[in-house]
Protein backbone atom coordinates (compact mmCIF):
# COMPACT_ATOMS: atom_id res chain seq x y z
CA MET A 1 78.66 18.38 -22.93
CA ILE A 2 76.17 17.44 -20.31
CA THR A 3 73.84 14.82 -23.26
CA LEU A 4 69.84 15.33 -22.33
CA GLN A 5 69.37 11.07 -22.75
CA ASP A 6 71.17 10.09 -19.55
CA ASN A 7 71.69 11.59 -16.09
CA PRO A 8 75.09 13.32 -16.12
CA PHE A 9 75.24 13.04 -12.34
CA PRO A 10 74.41 10.05 -11.25
CA ASP A 11 74.33 10.07 -7.52
CA MET A 12 73.95 13.25 -7.32
CA LYS A 13 70.76 14.64 -5.28
CA GLN A 14 67.95 16.44 -7.48
CA GLU A 15 68.23 19.52 -5.15
CA VAL A 16 71.92 20.19 -5.69
CA PHE A 17 71.23 19.78 -9.40
CA ASP A 18 69.06 22.05 -9.29
CA GLU A 19 71.07 24.58 -7.62
CA ILE A 20 73.42 23.94 -9.86
CA ALA A 21 71.15 24.64 -12.96
CA GLU A 22 69.77 27.53 -11.51
CA THR A 23 73.45 28.92 -10.99
CA ILE A 24 74.47 28.04 -13.83
CA GLU A 25 71.19 30.39 -15.32
CA GLU A 26 71.44 32.80 -13.63
CA ASN A 27 75.26 33.43 -13.70
CA HIS A 28 76.56 34.02 -17.13
CA GLY A 29 80.05 33.27 -16.88
CA LEU A 30 82.88 35.49 -18.15
CA LEU A 31 82.75 35.30 -20.69
CA GLY A 32 78.64 35.42 -20.88
CA LYS A 33 78.88 39.05 -18.61
CA LEU A 34 81.71 40.78 -21.55
CA PHE A 35 78.90 39.54 -24.46
CA ILE A 36 75.87 41.03 -22.13
CA GLU A 37 78.32 44.43 -21.68
CA SER A 38 79.86 44.52 -25.24
CA MET A 39 75.46 44.51 -26.72
CA LYS A 40 74.54 47.00 -24.14
CA ALA A 41 77.43 49.25 -25.63
CA ARG A 42 76.81 48.56 -29.23
CA LYS A 43 73.24 49.36 -28.43
CA SER A 44 74.15 52.84 -27.17
CA ILE A 45 76.34 54.21 -29.72
């Protein structure tokens, strides 16, 4: 879990953290991908 109160990665450069955040936002992971595919399939029924 990453809290909003404390810096979760105090020794990490901001650019690296920004890249990680962007990657998480753009790539929803396997569960996210399966969920999106499932919702698309339900819409076409």
